[in-house]
Amino acid sequence: MSTPPSGRRRRTRLVAASLVAATAVPLLAACSQPVPFDPAPDAAAADCASVVVRLPDQVAGLDARETTAQGTGAWGSPAAVLLRCGIEPPGPTTLRCVSVDEVDWIIDESDAPTYRFVTYGRTPAVEVVVDNDAVAGSTAIADLSGAVAAIPADGGCTDLEDLAPATGEATDAG
């Protein structure tokens, strides 16, 4: 018993569609352009190389992209998470600082919804810029902290509570 002509045509169309899909996906991926970057001043530092080789394939569910500069990383299309290693370490600041997986990050929300996260207490410093409309900045730095931890800590954030005298201490009321 042979397959009816309509069944053969359907099977032929399925095979043809599969072949088109199999060749189109790699071609579309090849069309993705590298994300342009200016390297940070210390992008060539050995610690930055240690960070870059540890960068994840995905950040906040976004796929990694190729970049044009040393010591950089990008995720998403369009890129919603950008990383530059080798920037000048920040000095003392009043900006909020959070610790994620033992990496301290200063958070600059002045250009919201674009947030800038900079490591604190690591030399060289790492900058991560996140489009908070596309992904949560907290998720992005959580995904990147493991790679950034390759740079040894030489300091860290200080909480105001750490600077205040302990409660219950005797004071001189004079």
Protein backbone atom coordinates (compact mmCIF):
# COMPACT_ATOMS: atom_id res chain seq x y z
CA MET A 1 0.00 0.00 0.00
CA SER A 2 1.45 3.37 -0.97
CA THR A 3 1.15 6.76 0.73
CA PRO A 4 -1.54 8.95 -0.81
CA PRO A 5 -0.23 11.98 -2.79
CA SER A 6 -1.48 14.43 -0.13
CA GLY A 7 0.53 12.59 2.59
CA ARG A 8 3.70 12.66 0.47
CA ARG A 9 3.29 16.38 -0.16
CA ARG A 10 2.77 17.05 3.56
CA ARG A 11 5.90 15.04 4.44
CA THR A 12 7.89 16.85 1.72
CA ARG A 13 6.74 20.23 3.08
CA LEU A 14 7.74 19.23 6.64
CA VAL A 15 11.21 18.14 5.48
CA ALA A 16 11.63 21.34 3.47
CA ALA A 17 10.50 23.50 6.40
CA SER A 18 12.92 21.69 8.72
CA LEU A 19 15.81 22.27 6.31
CA VAL A 20 14.97 25.96 5.99
CA ALA A 21 14.77 26.36 9.77
CA ALA A 22 18.03 24.46 10.30
CA THR A 23 19.92 26.75 7.92
CA ALA A 24 18.18 30.01 8.88
CA VAL A 25 18.92 29.88 12.62
CA PRO A 26 22.74 29.86 12.25
CA LEU A 27 22.53 32.57 9.58
CA LEU A 28 20.44 34.80 11.83
CA ALA A 29 22.84 34.26 14.71
CA ALA A 30 25.74 35.23 12.45
CA CYS A 31 24.01 38.56 11.71
CA SER A 32 24.37 39.69 15.32
CA GLN A 33 27.00 42.44 15.44
CA PRO A 34 29.55 42.73 18.27
CA VAL A 35 28.66 45.29 20.94
CA PRO A 36 30.99 48.30 20.58
CA PHE A 37 32.95 49.29 23.68
CA ASP A 38 35.80 51.54 24.68
CA PRO A 39 38.10 49.55 26.96
CA ALA A 40 38.55 50.73 30.54
CA PRO A 41 42.00 52.12 31.43
CA ASP A 42 43.12 48.89 33.16
CA ALA A 43 41.23 46.43 30.91
CA ALA A 44 44.49 44.59 30.18
CA ALA A 45 45.05 43.77 33.88
CA ALA A 46 45.49 40.08 34.63
CA ASP A 47 42.59 40.25 37.10
CA CYS A 48 40.28 41.47 34.31
CA ALA A 49 41.30 38.49 32.18
CA SER A 50 40.39 36.26 35.13
CA VAL A 51 36.95 37.89 35.26
CA VAL A 52 36.30 37.66 31.51
CA VAL A 53 37.09 33.93 31.29
CA ARG A 54 34.58 33.33 34.10
CA LEU A 55 31.72 35.37 32.60
CA PRO A 56 28.51 33.35 32.25
CA ASP A 57 26.86 32.49 28.93
CA GLN A 58 23.64 34.02 30.27
CA VAL A 59 22.91 36.91 32.62
CA ALA A 60 19.34 37.47 33.83
CA GLY A 61 18.20 35.03 31.15
CA LEU A 62 19.91 37.02 28.36
CA ASP A 63 22.46 35.40 26.05
CA ALA A 64 26.05 36.64 25.93
CA ARG A 65 27.11 38.82 22.99
CA GLU A 66 30.48 39.37 21.41
CA THR A 67 32.14 42.71 22.27
CA THR A 68 34.81 44.83 20.57
CA ALA A 69 37.08 45.57 23.53
CA GLN A 70 39.22 43.72 26.03
CA GLY A 71 37.83 43.28 29.54
CA THR A 72 34.18 43.63 28.52
CA GLY A 73 30.99 41.59 28.34
CA ALA A 74 27.45 42.15 27.07
CA TRP A 75 24.18 40.24 27.28
CA GLY A 76 20.88 40.62 25.41
CA SER A 77 19.85 41.79 21.97
CA PRO A 78 19.73 44.71 22.16
CA ALA A 79 22.35 44.61 24.89
CA ALA A 80 20.68 45.22 28.26
CA VAL A 81 23.62 44.29 30.52
CA LEU A 82 27.09 45.73 29.86
CA LEU A 83 30.27 44.96 31.84
CA ARG A 84 33.64 46.75 31.78
CA CYS A 85 36.54 45.60 33.90
CA GLY A 86 39.49 47.85 34.64
CA ILE A 87 37.87 51.10 35.70
CA GLU A 88 39.29 53.30 38.44
CA PRO A 89 38.18 52.02 41.86
CA PRO A 90 35.68 54.42 43.46
CA GLY A 91 36.52 56.31 46.61
CA PRO A 92 34.25 56.76 49.61
CA THR A 93 30.68 57.56 48.60
CA THR A 94 27.24 58.13 50.03
CA LEU A 95 25.67 55.96 47.31
CA ARG A 96 23.97 52.78 48.47
CA CYS A 97 26.25 49.75 48.65
CA VAL A 98 25.12 46.12 48.67
CA SER A 99 26.99 42.87 49.12
CA VAL A 100 26.12 40.06 46.71
CA ASP A 101 27.96 36.75 47.09
CA GLU A 102 30.77 38.50 48.97
CA VAL A 103 31.21 41.16 46.27
CA ASP A 104 30.36 44.74 47.29
CA TRP A 105 28.57 46.86 44.68
CA ILE A 106 27.86 50.61 44.71
CA ILE A 107 24.53 51.39 43.04
CA ASP A 108 24.09 54.60 41.03
CA GLU A 109 20.43 55.08 40.12
CA SER A 110 20.80 58.69 38.92
CA ASP A 111 20.08 57.72 35.28
CA ALA A 112 17.14 55.40 36.09
CA PRO A 113 15.96 53.18 34.54
CA THR A 114 19.61 52.66 33.56
CA TYR A 115 21.47 51.59 36.69
CA ARG A 116 25.23 51.59 37.13
CA PHE A 117 26.81 49.09 39.53
CA VAL A 118 30.51 49.44 40.44
CA THR A 119 32.48 47.06 42.60
CA TYR A 120 33.79 48.54 45.82
CA GLY A 121 36.94 47.30 47.50
CA ARG A 122 38.45 45.58 44.43
CA THR A 123 41.26 46.80 42.20
CA PRO A 124 40.72 47.08 39.31
CA ALA A 125 37.04 47.85 39.65
CA VAL A 126 34.26 46.41 37.50
CA GLU A 127 31.35 48.44 36.15
CA VAL A 128 28.03 46.88 35.16
CA VAL A 129 25.39 48.99 33.42
CA VAL A 130 21.87 47.53 33.37
CA ASP A 131 18.74 48.59 31.52
CA ASN A 132 16.36 48.03 34.42
CA ASP A 133 13.38 48.19 32.03
CA ALA A 134 14.68 44.99 30.40
CA VAL A 135 16.11 43.08 33.39
CA ALA A 136 16.42 43.45 37.15
CA GLY A 137 19.77 44.89 38.13
CA SER A 138 19.84 42.70 41.23
CA THR A 139 19.56 39.58 39.07
CA ALA A 140 22.32 40.79 36.75
CA ILE A 141 24.84 41.46 39.53
CA ALA A 142 23.92 38.19 41.23
CA ASP A 143 24.73 36.36 37.99
CA LEU A 144 28.02 38.28 37.58
CA SER A 145 29.33 38.31 41.15
CA GLY A 146 30.88 34.85 40.84
CA ALA A 147 33.06 35.97 37.93
CA VAL A 148 33.90 39.32 39.54
CA ALA A 149 34.99 37.56 42.74
CA ALA A 150 38.11 36.51 40.79
CA ILE A 151 39.48 39.96 41.68
CA PRO A 152 40.67 39.79 45.31
CA ALA A 153 38.89 42.09 47.76
CA ASP A 154 41.07 44.77 49.32
CA GLY A 155 38.28 46.60 51.14
CA GLY A 156 34.53 46.77 51.34
CA CYS A 157 31.45 48.76 52.12
CA THR A 158 30.94 50.12 55.60
CA ASP A 159 27.49 50.30 57.09
CA LEU A 160 26.66 53.37 59.16
CA GLU A 161 25.67 51.00 61.97
CA ASP A 162 29.27 49.75 61.98
CA LEU A 163 30.46 53.29 62.67
CA ALA A 164 27.94 54.16 65.40
CA PRO A 165 28.80 53.39 69.02
CA ALA A 166 27.22 50.20 70.30
CA THR A 167 23.98 50.69 72.18
CA GLY A 168 24.10 50.23 75.89
CA GLU A 169 27.59 51.72 76.23
CA ALA A 170 28.12 54.11 79.11
CA THR A 171 28.33 57.72 78.01
CA ASP A 172 29.59 60.74 79.88
CA ALA A 173 26.51 62.90 80.42
CA GLY A 174 28.71 65.39 82.25
